[in-house]
Protein backbone atom coordinates (compact mmCIF):
# COMPACT_ATOMS: atom_id res chain seq x y z
CA MET A 1 2.63 40.38 3.59
CA ARG A 2 -0.81 40.50 5.17
CA LEU A 3 0.38 40.89 8.76
CA HIS A 4 3.26 43.22 7.90
CA PRO A 5 2.31 45.21 4.78
CA SER A 6 5.08 47.27 3.21
CA SER A 7 2.77 50.27 3.34
CA PRO A 8 0.36 50.15 6.30
CA LEU A 9 -1.52 53.18 4.95
CA LEU A 10 -2.71 53.36 1.35
CA LEU A 11 -2.25 56.47 -0.75
CA PRO A 12 -4.57 59.28 0.32
CA HIS A 13 -8.08 59.32 -1.12
CA TYR A 14 -10.55 62.21 -1.28
CA THR A 15 -14.26 61.86 -0.74
CA ASP A 16 -16.32 63.11 -3.67
CA GLN A 17 -19.48 63.25 -1.58
CA GLU A 18 -20.41 63.28 2.08
CA ALA A 19 -20.21 59.82 3.62
CA VAL A 20 -21.22 58.22 6.91
CA ILE A 21 -18.94 55.46 8.21
CA HIS A 22 -19.85 53.79 11.50
CA GLY A 23 -21.85 56.85 12.51
CA CYS A 24 -19.08 59.35 11.70
CA ILE A 25 -19.85 61.97 9.07
CA ILE A 26 -17.03 62.44 6.55
CA PRO A 27 -17.54 65.77 4.71
CA LYS A 28 -17.17 66.12 0.95
CA HIS A 29 -13.57 66.72 -0.30
CA THR A 30 -11.98 65.28 2.85
CA GLN A 31 -8.62 63.56 2.56
CA VAL A 32 -8.79 60.04 4.02
CA PHE A 33 -6.21 57.31 4.52
CA VAL A 34 -7.06 53.61 4.52
CA ASN A 35 -5.29 51.81 7.37
CA VAL A 36 -4.53 48.46 5.72
CA TRP A 37 -2.80 46.96 8.74
CA SER A 38 -5.76 47.68 11.00
CA ILE A 39 -8.23 46.15 8.55
CA LEU A 40 -6.18 43.00 7.97
CA THR A 41 -5.68 42.33 11.69
CA ASP A 42 -9.28 43.02 12.73
CA PRO A 43 -11.25 39.89 13.73
CA ALA A 44 -14.42 41.57 12.43
CA TYR A 45 -13.13 41.10 8.86
CA LEU A 46 -11.04 37.92 9.12
CA ASP A 47 -11.41 34.89 11.37
CA TYR A 48 -8.22 34.43 13.40
CA PRO A 49 -6.33 37.26 11.65
CA THR A 50 -2.95 36.43 13.22
CA ARG A 51 -2.98 32.77 12.14
CA PHE A 52 -1.68 31.48 8.82
CA LYS A 53 -4.53 29.86 6.93
CA ALA A 54 -3.53 29.00 3.38
CA ASP A 55 -7.11 28.39 2.26
CA ARG A 56 -8.37 31.73 3.58
CA PHE A 57 -8.73 33.34 0.15
CA MET A 58 -9.49 30.32 -2.01
CA ASN A 59 -12.77 30.14 -3.94
CA LEU A 60 -14.36 33.13 -2.25
CA GLY A 61 -15.17 35.12 -5.38
CA ILE A 62 -13.70 38.23 -3.79
CA ASP A 63 -13.78 41.50 -5.68
CA VAL A 64 -10.19 42.61 -6.35
CA TRP A 65 -11.14 46.22 -7.12
CA GLY A 66 -10.87 47.41 -3.53
CA ASN A 67 -14.48 46.79 -2.56
CA ASP A 68 -13.66 43.86 -0.30
CA CYS A 69 -11.48 44.25 2.79
CA LYS A 70 -9.99 40.78 2.41
CA LYS A 71 -7.90 41.91 -0.56
CA ILE A 72 -7.21 45.47 0.50
CA LEU A 73 -3.46 44.85 0.20
CA LEU A 74 -3.82 45.47 -3.52
CA GLY A 75 -5.16 48.95 -2.86
CA ALA A 76 -8.57 50.51 -3.30
CA GLY A 77 -10.38 52.74 -5.75
CA ARG A 78 -8.37 54.59 -8.38
CA HIS A 79 -5.14 53.90 -6.48
CA ILE A 80 -5.38 50.12 -6.83
CA CYS A 81 -2.20 48.24 -7.70
CA LEU A 82 -1.68 48.22 -11.47
CA GLY A 83 -0.26 44.70 -11.31
CA SER A 84 -3.11 43.19 -9.27
CA ASN A 85 -4.62 41.23 -12.17
CA ILE A 86 -1.32 39.74 -13.29
CA SER A 87 -0.27 38.99 -9.70
CA MET A 88 -3.47 37.02 -9.12
CA ARG A 89 -2.85 34.98 -12.27
CA MET A 90 0.85 34.49 -11.53
CA ALA A 91 0.10 33.24 -8.01
CA GLY A 92 -1.96 30.40 -9.45
CA LEU A 93 0.74 29.56 -11.98
CA LEU A 94 3.36 29.57 -9.23
CA VAL A 95 1.36 27.07 -7.20
CA ILE A 96 1.00 24.80 -10.24
CA LEU A 97 4.71 25.09 -11.02
CA CYS A 98 5.62 24.17 -7.43
CA MET A 99 3.32 21.15 -7.58
CA VAL A 100 4.85 19.98 -10.87
CA LEU A 101 8.42 20.45 -9.65
CA THR A 102 7.69 18.72 -6.35
CA ARG A 103 6.03 15.80 -8.11
CA SER A 104 8.94 15.43 -10.57
CA CYS A 105 11.43 15.41 -7.68
CA LEU A 106 9.43 12.73 -5.87
CA VAL A 107 9.20 10.52 -8.97
CA ASP A 108 12.95 10.56 -9.59
């Protein structure tokens, strides 16, 4: 999902004020697109972006509201995924369920 997002560009956003990003001036009321694929494969944001590292996002205290590039898959700003909170909770429950089922299979 991180290396091959279903939507490599997020929904369009509009700037409500002039912004400067990496020296480029973005005028007020400009339509911008966030390139998720580029962010998630950039070594400046993630160490070894093409490698699978299961512990990459554990215990980092990352903001899920689109202010941190490590969880940009969930969207950003007002266009953030409505199910992001429940998906984060369900992922933890899924891991616990897998551990319980695996342990019960090993005990039998």
